[in-house]
Amino acid sequence: MMLNQFFNGAATISLLVIAWFFLRFWKRTRDRLFLYFSAAFTILMTERIVRAVMVVDNEWAPYVYLMRLAAFVTIIAAVVDKNRRS
């Protein structure tokens, strides 16, 4: 149990660092792709926090995983947006 919390915390911090990384590139280049990626990793970080804090039983699990779906849809939208602008 304690090791699971440790890994959830490590994953959360890693996702935060990745989101900051893309946000820094967005500030430098003003390319929306980086902003979308930063938002997606922030959503994934929030999903990890919710899963760590809440007891996600069978009833609430689909709602938590909708956050993950939103992050992946954001990444797909970023790629589509980048390809349409090029």
Protein backbone atom coordinates (compact mmCIF):
# COMPACT_ATOMS: atom_id res chain seq x y z
CA MET A 1 0.00 0.00 0.00
CA MET A 2 2.73 2.45 0.93
CA LEU A 3 4.73 1.58 -2.18
CA ASN A 4 1.65 2.19 -4.34
CA GLN A 5 1.29 5.69 -2.85
CA PHE A 6 4.97 6.34 -3.51
CA PHE A 7 4.62 5.37 -7.17
CA ASN A 8 1.46 7.49 -7.53
CA GLY A 9 3.37 10.45 -6.13
CA ALA A 10 6.33 9.83 -8.42
CA ALA A 11 4.05 9.60 -11.46
CA THR A 12 2.24 12.79 -10.43
CA ILE A 13 5.47 14.75 -10.05
CA SER A 14 6.76 13.37 -13.35
CA LEU A 15 3.60 14.46 -15.16
CA LEU A 16 3.89 17.91 -13.57
CA VAL A 17 7.48 18.27 -14.77
CA ILE A 18 6.49 17.18 -18.28
CA ALA A 19 3.62 19.72 -18.30
CA TRP A 20 6.01 22.50 -17.21
CA PHE A 21 8.48 21.39 -19.88
CA PHE A 22 5.90 21.80 -22.65
CA LEU A 23 4.63 25.05 -21.14
CA ARG A 24 8.15 26.45 -21.23
CA PHE A 25 8.46 25.57 -24.92
CA TRP A 26 5.08 27.15 -25.59
CA LYS A 27 6.20 30.39 -23.94
CA ARG A 28 9.33 30.40 -26.08
CA THR A 29 7.77 29.48 -29.44
CA ARG A 30 4.05 30.29 -29.03
CA ASP A 31 3.29 27.05 -30.87
CA ARG A 32 -0.11 25.73 -29.81
CA LEU A 33 1.11 22.13 -30.01
CA PHE A 34 3.13 22.65 -26.83
CA LEU A 35 0.19 24.29 -25.08
CA TYR A 36 -2.07 21.35 -25.95
CA PHE A 37 0.54 18.88 -24.71
CA SER A 38 0.96 20.82 -21.47
CA ALA A 39 -2.81 20.76 -20.94
CA ALA A 40 -2.96 17.03 -21.67
CA PHE A 41 -0.26 16.18 -19.17
CA THR A 42 -1.91 18.43 -16.59
CA ILE A 43 -5.15 16.49 -17.07
CA LEU A 44 -3.25 13.21 -16.67
CA MET A 45 -1.64 14.56 -13.49
CA THR A 46 -5.06 15.51 -12.12
CA GLU A 47 -6.38 12.05 -12.93
CA ARG A 48 -3.51 10.49 -10.97
CA ILE A 49 -4.24 12.74 -7.99
CA VAL A 50 -7.93 11.84 -8.06
CA ARG A 51 -7.13 8.13 -8.24
CA ALA A 52 -4.69 8.43 -5.34
CA VAL A 53 -6.96 10.47 -3.08
CA MET A 54 -10.31 8.86 -3.83
CA VAL A 55 -11.15 5.25 -3.42
CA VAL A 56 -12.09 4.49 -7.00
CA ASP A 57 -14.49 1.60 -6.82
CA ASN A 58 -16.42 0.12 -9.70
CA GLU A 59 -19.10 2.80 -9.58
CA TRP A 60 -16.80 5.83 -10.03
CA ALA A 61 -14.06 4.28 -12.16
CA PRO A 62 -15.55 5.27 -15.55
CA TYR A 63 -15.75 8.92 -14.51
CA VAL A 64 -12.11 8.99 -13.47
CA TYR A 65 -11.05 7.34 -16.70
CA LEU A 66 -12.96 9.97 -18.66
CA MET A 67 -10.22 12.36 -17.53
CA ARG A 68 -7.65 10.10 -19.18
CA LEU A 69 -9.77 10.00 -22.32
CA ALA A 70 -9.92 13.81 -22.31
CA ALA A 71 -6.12 13.96 -22.14
CA PHE A 72 -5.71 11.60 -25.09
CA VAL A 73 -8.32 13.51 -27.09
CA THR A 74 -6.36 16.69 -26.35
CA ILE A 75 -3.19 15.10 -27.72
CA ILE A 76 -5.02 13.96 -30.85
CA ALA A 77 -6.47 17.45 -31.28
CA ALA A 78 -2.97 18.92 -30.94
CA VAL A 79 -1.57 16.69 -33.68
CA VAL A 80 -4.52 17.38 -35.99
CA ASP A 81 -4.23 21.12 -35.34
CA LYS A 82 -0.50 21.07 -36.05
CA ASN A 83 -0.96 19.12 -39.30
CA ARG A 84 -3.72 21.43 -40.52
CA ARG A 85 -1.58 24.53 -39.94
CA SER A 86 1.44 23.10 -41.74
